[in-house]
Amino acid sequence: MADHVLSEVSAEVAPEREADLLAAYRELVGGALPDGLVRTELLRGADGHWRIQTLWRDRAALEAVRTAPQPPAAPRLFREVGADPTLAVFDVPVRHDPSAESL
């Protein structure tokens, strides 16, 4: 079985645009999500630092989104609020999810 992959798109968002980012992210996750998306989160740090972390079933699922005709959602959301996003991709060779054990 292929390892999961985590994408992390981060940017510094101006305080006056944070509400726009929150609204856009809520709208995004309220709709249809791409095949292979396992989990996604919007994270707020100090001083306007924001991240969207998304766990993918495998690298092929992430690449399908990155090469689709429409731009990937996370960088697009940051650009729409005037931020300059940065992408990092991590392999997840080991994962533990205690909540999945109770299912």
N, C-alpha and C. Protein backbone atom coordinates (compact mmCIF):
# COMPACT_ATOMS: atom_id res chain seq x y z
N MET A 1 0.83 -1.18 0.00
CA MET A 1 0.00 0.00 0.00
C MET A 1 0.88 1.24 0.00
N ALA A 2 0.51 2.22 -0.81
CA ALA A 2 1.29 3.45 -0.90
C ALA A 2 1.12 4.29 0.36
N ASP A 3 2.15 5.04 0.70
CA ASP A 3 2.08 5.92 1.86
C ASP A 3 1.19 7.12 1.59
N HIS A 4 0.59 7.63 2.65
CA HIS A 4 -0.13 8.88 2.55
C HIS A 4 0.86 10.00 2.26
N VAL A 5 0.33 11.12 1.76
CA VAL A 5 1.13 12.31 1.48
C VAL A 5 0.40 13.49 2.10
N LEU A 6 1.15 14.40 2.72
CA LEU A 6 0.58 15.60 3.30
C LEU A 6 1.07 16.81 2.53
N SER A 7 0.13 17.61 2.05
CA SER A 7 0.51 18.88 1.43
C SER A 7 0.22 19.99 2.43
N GLU A 8 1.11 20.95 2.45
CA GLU A 8 0.95 22.10 3.34
C GLU A 8 1.17 23.36 2.52
N VAL A 9 0.13 24.16 2.44
CA VAL A 9 0.21 25.44 1.74
C VAL A 9 0.11 26.51 2.81
N SER A 10 1.09 27.40 2.86
CA SER A 10 1.12 28.40 3.92
C SER A 10 1.32 29.79 3.33
N ALA A 11 0.85 30.77 4.09
CA ALA A 11 1.00 32.17 3.66
C ALA A 11 0.74 33.07 4.85
N GLU A 12 1.19 34.29 4.72
CA GLU A 12 0.89 35.33 5.70
C GLU A 12 -0.28 36.13 5.16
N VAL A 13 -1.35 36.20 5.94
CA VAL A 13 -2.58 36.86 5.51
C VAL A 13 -2.77 38.13 6.34
N ALA A 14 -3.08 39.22 5.65
CA ALA A 14 -3.34 40.49 6.34
C ALA A 14 -4.56 40.34 7.25
N PRO A 15 -4.53 40.94 8.43
CA PRO A 15 -5.64 40.80 9.38
C PRO A 15 -7.00 41.14 8.77
N GLU A 16 -7.05 42.14 7.93
CA GLU A 16 -8.33 42.55 7.34
C GLU A 16 -8.86 41.56 6.30
N ARG A 17 -8.05 40.56 5.91
CA ARG A 17 -8.48 39.56 4.93
C ARG A 17 -8.71 38.18 5.56
N GLU A 18 -8.48 38.04 6.86
CA GLU A 18 -8.65 36.75 7.52
C GLU A 18 -10.08 36.24 7.46
N ALA A 19 -11.06 37.12 7.63
CA ALA A 19 -12.47 36.71 7.56
C ALA A 19 -12.79 36.18 6.17
N ASP A 20 -12.22 36.80 5.14
CA ASP A 20 -12.43 36.34 3.76
C ASP A 20 -11.86 34.94 3.57
N LEU A 21 -10.67 34.70 4.13
CA LEU A 21 -10.04 33.38 4.03
C LEU A 21 -10.90 32.33 4.73
N LEU A 22 -11.37 32.62 5.93
CA LEU A 22 -12.22 31.68 6.67
C LEU A 22 -13.49 31.36 5.88
N ALA A 23 -14.13 32.37 5.34
CA ALA A 23 -15.36 32.15 4.57
C ALA A 23 -15.10 31.31 3.33
N ALA A 24 -14.02 31.61 2.62
CA ALA A 24 -13.70 30.87 1.40
C ALA A 24 -13.36 29.42 1.71
N TYR A 25 -12.65 29.17 2.81
CA TYR A 25 -12.30 27.79 3.18
C TYR A 25 -13.56 27.02 3.58
N ARG A 26 -14.43 27.64 4.35
CA ARG A 26 -15.68 26.98 4.74
C ARG A 26 -16.51 26.62 3.51
N GLU A 27 -16.57 27.54 2.56
CA GLU A 27 -17.31 27.26 1.32
C GLU A 27 -16.66 26.10 0.56
N LEU A 28 -15.35 26.12 0.49
CA LEU A 28 -14.62 25.07 -0.21
C LEU A 28 -14.92 23.69 0.38
N VAL A 29 -14.78 23.53 1.67
CA VAL A 29 -14.97 22.22 2.28
C VAL A 29 -16.44 21.83 2.38
N GLY A 30 -17.33 22.77 2.17
CA GLY A 30 -18.75 22.47 2.16
C GLY A 30 -19.22 21.87 0.84
N GLY A 31 -18.35 21.91 -0.17
CA GLY A 31 -18.69 21.37 -1.48
C GLY A 31 -18.03 20.02 -1.73
N ALA A 32 -18.04 19.63 -2.98
CA ALA A 32 -17.41 18.36 -3.37
C ALA A 32 -15.90 18.47 -3.21
N LEU A 33 -15.31 17.45 -2.62
CA LEU A 33 -13.86 17.43 -2.42
C LEU A 33 -13.23 16.43 -3.39
N PRO A 34 -11.96 16.64 -3.73
CA PRO A 34 -11.31 15.77 -4.71
C PRO A 34 -11.16 14.33 -4.22
N ASP A 35 -11.17 13.41 -5.16
CA ASP A 35 -10.93 12.01 -4.85
C ASP A 35 -9.55 11.87 -4.23
N GLY A 36 -9.46 11.09 -3.18
CA GLY A 36 -8.18 10.84 -2.53
C GLY A 36 -7.88 11.76 -1.37
N LEU A 37 -8.71 12.78 -1.14
CA LEU A 37 -8.50 13.67 0.00
C LEU A 37 -8.99 12.94 1.25
N VAL A 38 -8.10 12.76 2.22
CA VAL A 38 -8.42 12.05 3.45
C VAL A 38 -8.88 13.03 4.54
N ARG A 39 -8.19 14.16 4.65
CA ARG A 39 -8.45 15.14 5.71
C ARG A 39 -7.85 16.47 5.30
N THR A 40 -8.50 17.56 5.68
CA THR A 40 -7.93 18.88 5.43
C THR A 40 -8.26 19.80 6.60
N GLU A 41 -7.35 20.72 6.90
CA GLU A 41 -7.51 21.65 8.02
C GLU A 41 -6.93 23.00 7.66
N LEU A 42 -7.60 24.03 8.13
CA LEU A 42 -7.09 25.40 8.05
C LEU A 42 -6.55 25.74 9.43
N LEU A 43 -5.29 26.11 9.50
CA LEU A 43 -4.61 26.38 10.77
C LEU A 43 -4.19 27.84 10.84
N ARG A 44 -4.44 28.47 11.99
CA ARG A 44 -4.03 29.86 12.20
C ARG A 44 -2.90 29.89 13.21
N GLY A 45 -1.81 30.53 12.85
CA GLY A 45 -0.69 30.71 13.76
C GLY A 45 -0.61 32.15 14.21
N ALA A 46 0.50 32.51 14.79
CA ALA A 46 0.72 33.87 15.26
C ALA A 46 1.05 34.80 14.11
N ASP A 47 0.77 36.06 14.30
CA ASP A 47 1.18 37.12 13.37
C ASP A 47 0.70 36.90 11.94
N GLY A 48 -0.51 36.42 11.76
CA GLY A 48 -1.08 36.29 10.43
C GLY A 48 -0.60 35.10 9.62
N HIS A 49 0.10 34.18 10.25
CA HIS A 49 0.57 32.99 9.55
C HIS A 49 -0.54 31.94 9.52
N TRP A 50 -0.89 31.48 8.32
CA TRP A 50 -1.95 30.51 8.11
C TRP A 50 -1.40 29.34 7.31
N ARG A 51 -2.01 28.16 7.50
CA ARG A 51 -1.63 26.95 6.76
C ARG A 51 -2.89 26.16 6.42
N ILE A 52 -2.87 25.56 5.27
CA ILE A 52 -3.86 24.56 4.93
C ILE A 52 -3.10 23.26 4.77
N GLN A 53 -3.39 22.32 5.66
CA GLN A 53 -2.75 21.01 5.59
C GLN A 53 -3.78 20.01 5.09
N THR A 54 -3.38 19.24 4.10
CA THR A 54 -4.29 18.25 3.51
C THR A 54 -3.58 16.91 3.43
N LEU A 55 -4.22 15.90 3.97
CA LEU A 55 -3.70 14.54 3.91
C LEU A 55 -4.34 13.84 2.72
N TRP A 56 -3.51 13.27 1.87
CA TRP A 56 -3.95 12.59 0.65
C TRP A 56 -3.72 11.09 0.77
N ARG A 57 -4.57 10.33 0.13
CA ARG A 57 -4.48 8.87 0.13
C ARG A 57 -3.10 8.41 -0.35
N ASP A 58 -2.58 9.08 -1.38
CA ASP A 58 -1.26 8.75 -1.93
C ASP A 58 -0.81 9.90 -2.82
N ARG A 59 0.41 9.82 -3.30
CA ARG A 59 0.98 10.88 -4.13
C ARG A 59 0.20 11.04 -5.44
N ALA A 60 -0.31 9.94 -5.98
CA ALA A 60 -1.08 10.02 -7.24
C ALA A 60 -2.32 10.90 -7.07
N ALA A 61 -2.98 10.81 -5.92
CA ALA A 61 -4.17 11.64 -5.66
C ALA A 61 -3.79 13.12 -5.61
N LEU A 62 -2.69 13.43 -4.95
CA LEU A 62 -2.21 14.82 -4.90
C LEU A 62 -1.84 15.30 -6.29
N GLU A 63 -1.10 14.51 -7.04
CA GLU A 63 -0.67 14.92 -8.39
C GLU A 63 -1.86 15.12 -9.32
N ALA A 64 -2.92 14.32 -9.15
CA ALA A 64 -4.11 14.50 -9.99
C ALA A 64 -4.72 15.88 -9.77
N VAL A 65 -4.72 16.34 -8.53
CA VAL A 65 -5.24 17.68 -8.23
C VAL A 65 -4.30 18.75 -8.76
N ARG A 66 -3.02 18.55 -8.59
CA ARG A 66 -2.04 19.57 -9.01
C ARG A 66 -1.97 19.71 -10.52
N THR A 67 -2.32 18.67 -11.27
CA THR A 67 -2.23 18.73 -12.73
C THR A 67 -3.59 18.91 -13.41
N ALA A 68 -4.64 19.06 -12.62
CA ALA A 68 -5.98 19.27 -13.19
C ALA A 68 -6.04 20.63 -13.89
N PRO A 69 -6.99 20.79 -14.80
CA PRO A 69 -7.10 22.07 -15.53
C PRO A 69 -7.34 23.28 -14.62
N GLN A 70 -8.13 23.12 -13.56
CA GLN A 70 -8.36 24.23 -12.63
C GLN A 70 -7.25 24.26 -11.60
N PRO A 71 -6.86 25.45 -11.14
CA PRO A 71 -5.76 25.54 -10.16
C PRO A 71 -6.14 24.87 -8.84
N PRO A 72 -5.15 24.31 -8.13
CA PRO A 72 -5.41 23.70 -6.83
C PRO A 72 -6.05 24.72 -5.87
N ALA A 73 -6.94 24.23 -5.03
CA ALA A 73 -7.76 25.10 -4.20
C ALA A 73 -6.96 25.88 -3.14
N ALA A 74 -6.08 25.22 -2.41
CA ALA A 74 -5.41 25.88 -1.29
C ALA A 74 -4.59 27.10 -1.74
N PRO A 75 -3.71 26.97 -2.74
CA PRO A 75 -2.99 28.16 -3.18
C PRO A 75 -3.92 29.24 -3.72
N ARG A 76 -4.97 28.81 -4.41
CA ARG A 76 -5.92 29.77 -4.98
C ARG A 76 -6.60 30.58 -3.88
N LEU A 77 -7.00 29.92 -2.78
CA LEU A 77 -7.65 30.64 -1.67
C LEU A 77 -6.73 31.72 -1.11
N PHE A 78 -5.46 31.38 -0.91
CA PHE A 78 -4.53 32.37 -0.39
C PHE A 78 -4.33 33.53 -1.37
N ARG A 79 -4.20 33.22 -2.64
CA ARG A 79 -4.02 34.28 -3.63
C ARG A 79 -5.24 35.21 -3.68
N GLU A 80 -6.44 34.63 -3.51
CA GLU A 80 -7.67 35.44 -3.54
C GLU A 80 -7.72 36.44 -2.40
N VAL A 81 -7.00 36.22 -1.32
CA VAL A 81 -6.97 37.17 -0.21
C VAL A 81 -5.67 37.98 -0.20
N GLY A 82 -4.97 37.98 -1.33
CA GLY A 82 -3.79 38.81 -1.49
C GLY A 82 -2.52 38.27 -0.87
N ALA A 83 -2.49 36.98 -0.57
CA ALA A 83 -1.30 36.38 0.06
C ALA A 83 -0.50 35.59 -0.98
N ASP A 84 0.77 35.40 -0.70
CA ASP A 84 1.68 34.67 -1.58
C ASP A 84 1.95 33.30 -0.97
N PRO A 85 1.30 32.24 -1.47
CA PRO A 85 1.41 30.92 -0.83
C PRO A 85 2.71 30.19 -1.14
N THR A 86 3.09 29.34 -0.20
CA THR A 86 4.23 28.45 -0.35
C THR A 86 3.74 27.02 -0.15
N LEU A 87 4.20 26.10 -1.00
CA LEU A 87 3.79 24.70 -0.93
C LEU A 87 4.93 23.83 -0.42
N ALA A 88 4.60 22.92 0.48
CA ALA A 88 5.53 21.88 0.92
C ALA A 88 4.76 20.56 0.88
N VAL A 89 5.45 19.49 0.51
CA VAL A 89 4.84 18.16 0.43
C VAL A 89 5.67 17.21 1.26
N PHE A 90 4.99 16.40 2.08
CA PHE A 90 5.65 15.48 2.98
C PHE A 90 5.10 14.08 2.77
N ASP A 91 5.97 13.09 2.69
CA ASP A 91 5.54 11.70 2.74
C ASP A 91 5.18 11.38 4.18
N VAL A 92 4.20 10.51 4.38
CA VAL A 92 3.76 10.12 5.72
C VAL A 92 3.98 8.61 5.84
N PRO A 93 5.19 8.18 6.19
CA PRO A 93 5.48 6.75 6.23
C PRO A 93 4.81 6.02 7.40
N VAL A 94 4.50 6.75 8.47
CA VAL A 94 3.84 6.15 9.63
C VAL A 94 2.73 7.10 10.06
N ARG A 95 1.56 6.53 10.30
CA ARG A 95 0.42 7.35 10.72
C ARG A 95 -0.36 6.59 11.79
N HIS A 96 -0.78 7.31 12.82
CA HIS A 96 -1.59 6.72 13.87
C HIS A 96 -2.81 7.60 14.09
N ASP A 97 -4.00 7.02 13.99
CA ASP A 97 -5.24 7.75 14.17
C ASP A 97 -6.09 7.02 15.20
N PRO A 98 -5.99 7.40 16.49
CA PRO A 98 -6.74 6.70 17.53
C PRO A 98 -8.24 6.70 17.29
N SER A 99 -8.78 7.75 16.67
CA SER A 99 -10.23 7.81 16.46
C SER A 99 -10.68 6.75 15.46
N ALA A 100 -9.81 6.34 14.54
CA ALA A 100 -10.17 5.31 13.56
C ALA A 100 -10.26 3.92 14.20
N GLU A 101 -9.60 3.73 15.31
CA GLU A 101 -9.59 2.42 15.99
C GLU A 101 -10.96 2.08 16.56
N SER A 102 -11.75 3.09 16.88
CA SER A 102 -13.06 2.83 17.49
C SER A 102 -14.14 2.54 16.46
N LEU A 103 -13.82 2.68 15.18
CA LEU A 103 -14.82 2.44 14.13
C LEU A 103 -15.05 0.98 13.87
